[in-house]
Amino acid sequence: MIEQSNKYSGINIEILKIANYKSEALDEFIEQFKQFRDNIKQEEITQKYGKIEDTQTLLEELNNLNEYDLDTLENIAYRIEMDCRSYTSELKDCILDDIEVIRFNNLEKTSKFNVILDEMIQQIKSIAEDYGVKFEEEKELET
């Protein structure tokens, strides 16, 4: 009996409490933790690199991206801070979901990365159009 009482002595009691929650509450806790972690990461990145506050700047950053640099792509996602929270959220989700696809399928070192990046830019333009954002016409170079 003494051995049984000491069986869980090394386990954190908080972990045991969390394990006893219903799965819905646990899922909610996990989502809150992810959001908290993302907020901290976003604060660190925006302090270091600055915010992206307009869609044109976002598209320029994406167009200048190196094809093997997923960390920079992730930084770009966390730097987005538009006036509309739902617009910001959709843009971030679009980029972060594509990063997940690239990493999951190990596509960062293939030609498919550029295809995914081009599709991502088109998705961002589509989201922007849904929110009524208009882009400046690209200036043609005079020769």
Protein backbone atom coordinates (compact mmCIF):
# COMPACT_ATOMS: atom_id res chain seq x y z
CA MET A 1 0.00 0.00 0.00
CA ILE A 2 2.82 2.40 0.71
CA GLU A 3 4.16 1.84 -2.79
CA GLN A 4 0.78 2.75 -4.32
CA SER A 5 0.52 6.04 -2.45
CA ASN A 6 3.97 7.05 -3.71
CA LYS A 7 3.21 5.90 -7.23
CA TYR A 8 2.21 9.39 -8.43
CA SER A 9 4.46 11.43 -6.17
CA GLY A 10 6.61 12.66 -9.09
CA ILE A 11 3.69 13.70 -11.30
CA ASN A 12 2.63 17.31 -11.33
CA ILE A 13 -0.78 17.58 -9.66
CA GLU A 14 -1.85 20.25 -12.16
CA ILE A 15 -1.36 17.81 -15.02
CA LEU A 16 -3.59 15.30 -13.26
CA LYS A 17 -6.25 17.98 -12.75
CA ILE A 18 -6.15 18.91 -16.43
CA ALA A 19 -6.43 15.25 -17.41
CA ASN A 20 -9.69 15.02 -15.45
CA TYR A 21 -11.40 17.84 -17.37
CA LYS A 22 -13.94 16.98 -20.01
CA SER A 23 -12.49 16.88 -23.50
CA GLU A 24 -14.30 20.11 -24.46
CA ALA A 25 -12.74 22.01 -21.60
CA LEU A 26 -9.36 20.52 -22.44
CA ASP A 27 -9.70 21.55 -26.09
CA GLU A 28 -10.65 25.06 -24.99
CA PHE A 29 -7.63 25.19 -22.68
CA ILE A 30 -5.33 24.08 -25.52
CA GLU A 31 -6.76 26.75 -27.85
CA GLN A 32 -6.30 29.44 -25.19
CA PHE A 33 -2.72 28.31 -24.65
CA LYS A 34 -1.99 28.39 -28.40
CA GLN A 35 -3.48 31.87 -28.63
CA PHE A 36 -1.42 33.01 -25.63
CA ARG A 37 1.74 31.56 -27.16
CA ASP A 38 0.98 33.17 -30.53
CA ASN A 39 0.38 36.54 -28.87
CA ILE A 40 3.76 36.40 -27.12
CA LYS A 41 5.47 35.36 -30.35
CA GLN A 42 3.71 38.15 -32.24
CA GLU A 43 4.81 40.77 -29.70
CA GLU A 44 8.44 39.66 -29.91
CA ILE A 45 8.44 39.67 -33.71
CA THR A 46 6.69 43.04 -34.10
CA GLN A 47 9.09 44.64 -31.64
CA LYS A 48 12.02 43.36 -33.66
CA TYR A 49 10.77 43.85 -37.24
CA GLY A 50 7.79 46.23 -37.04
CA LYS A 51 4.15 45.77 -38.00
CA ILE A 52 2.62 45.19 -41.40
CA GLU A 53 -0.39 47.51 -41.43
CA ASP A 54 -1.48 47.45 -45.07
CA THR A 55 -2.04 44.79 -47.69
CA GLN A 56 0.33 46.32 -50.24
CA THR A 57 3.26 46.03 -47.80
CA LEU A 58 2.26 42.45 -47.03
CA LEU A 59 2.29 41.52 -50.72
CA GLU A 60 5.66 43.23 -51.22
CA GLU A 61 7.13 41.28 -48.29
CA LEU A 62 5.82 38.01 -49.73
CA ASN A 63 7.13 38.79 -53.22
CA ASN A 64 10.61 39.47 -51.79
CA LEU A 65 10.65 36.20 -49.83
CA ASN A 66 13.42 33.67 -50.39
CA GLU A 67 12.00 30.33 -51.38
CA TYR A 68 13.62 28.36 -48.54
CA ASP A 69 12.85 30.77 -45.71
CA LEU A 70 9.78 29.55 -43.85
CA ASP A 71 10.83 31.32 -40.66
CA THR A 72 10.63 34.68 -42.41
CA LEU A 73 7.25 33.71 -43.82
CA GLU A 74 6.06 32.90 -40.32
CA ASN A 75 7.45 36.21 -39.05
CA ILE A 76 5.50 38.00 -41.77
CA ALA A 77 2.30 36.30 -40.61
CA TYR A 78 2.83 37.38 -37.00
CA ARG A 79 3.63 40.98 -38.02
CA ILE A 80 0.25 41.52 -39.70
CA GLU A 81 -1.90 44.06 -37.83
CA MET A 82 -4.63 45.56 -39.96
CA ASP A 83 -7.43 47.82 -38.71
CA CYS A 84 -10.01 45.02 -38.88
CA ARG A 85 -9.35 42.12 -36.51
CA SER A 86 -11.19 39.55 -38.61
CA TYR A 87 -9.25 40.62 -41.72
CA THR A 88 -5.98 40.31 -39.80
CA SER A 89 -7.02 36.90 -38.50
CA GLU A 90 -7.93 35.60 -41.97
CA LEU A 91 -4.63 36.78 -43.44
CA LYS A 92 -2.61 35.19 -40.62
CA ASP A 93 -4.55 31.93 -40.86
CA CYS A 94 -4.02 31.81 -44.62
CA ILE A 95 -0.24 32.15 -44.28
CA LEU A 96 0.15 29.91 -41.22
CA ASP A 97 -2.00 27.16 -42.78
CA ASP A 98 0.14 27.21 -45.92
CA ILE A 99 3.31 27.04 -43.80
CA GLU A 100 1.89 23.98 -42.09
CA VAL A 101 1.16 22.36 -45.48
CA ILE A 102 4.68 23.14 -46.72
CA ARG A 103 6.31 21.70 -43.59
CA PHE A 104 4.02 18.67 -43.38
CA ASN A 105 4.66 17.72 -47.01
CA ASN A 106 8.34 18.73 -46.89
CA LEU A 107 7.93 21.07 -49.88
CA GLU A 108 10.25 23.91 -48.83
CA LYS A 109 13.12 22.67 -51.00
CA THR A 110 11.11 21.84 -54.08
CA SER A 111 9.78 23.88 -56.93
CA LYS A 112 6.32 23.42 -55.45
CA PHE A 113 7.19 25.99 -52.77
CA ASN A 114 7.03 28.77 -55.36
CA VAL A 115 3.69 27.47 -56.61
CA ILE A 116 2.32 27.44 -53.06
CA LEU A 117 3.70 30.95 -52.46
CA ASP A 118 2.00 32.21 -55.64
CA GLU A 119 -1.26 30.55 -54.57
CA MET A 120 -0.91 32.13 -51.13
CA ILE A 121 -0.50 35.57 -52.69
CA GLN A 122 -3.64 34.97 -54.78
CA GLN A 123 -5.53 33.85 -51.65
CA ILE A 124 -4.44 37.03 -49.85
CA LYS A 125 -5.60 39.14 -52.78
CA SER A 126 -8.93 37.30 -52.74
CA ILE A 127 -9.33 37.86 -48.99
CA ALA A 128 -8.46 41.53 -49.48
CA GLU A 129 -11.08 41.86 -52.21
CA ASP A 130 -13.65 40.26 -49.89
CA TYR A 131 -12.90 43.05 -47.39
CA GLY A 132 -13.03 45.74 -50.07
CA VAL A 133 -9.30 46.46 -50.17
CA LYS A 134 -8.11 47.89 -53.46
CA PHE A 135 -4.53 47.69 -54.63
CA GLU A 136 -2.41 50.36 -56.23
CA GLU A 137 -1.86 49.71 -59.90
CA GLU A 138 1.63 48.38 -60.45
CA LYS A 139 3.72 50.97 -62.19
CA GLU A 140 5.16 49.87 -65.48
CA LEU A 141 8.81 50.57 -66.04
CA GLU A 142 9.44 53.08 -68.76
CA THR A 143 12.21 52.22 -71.17
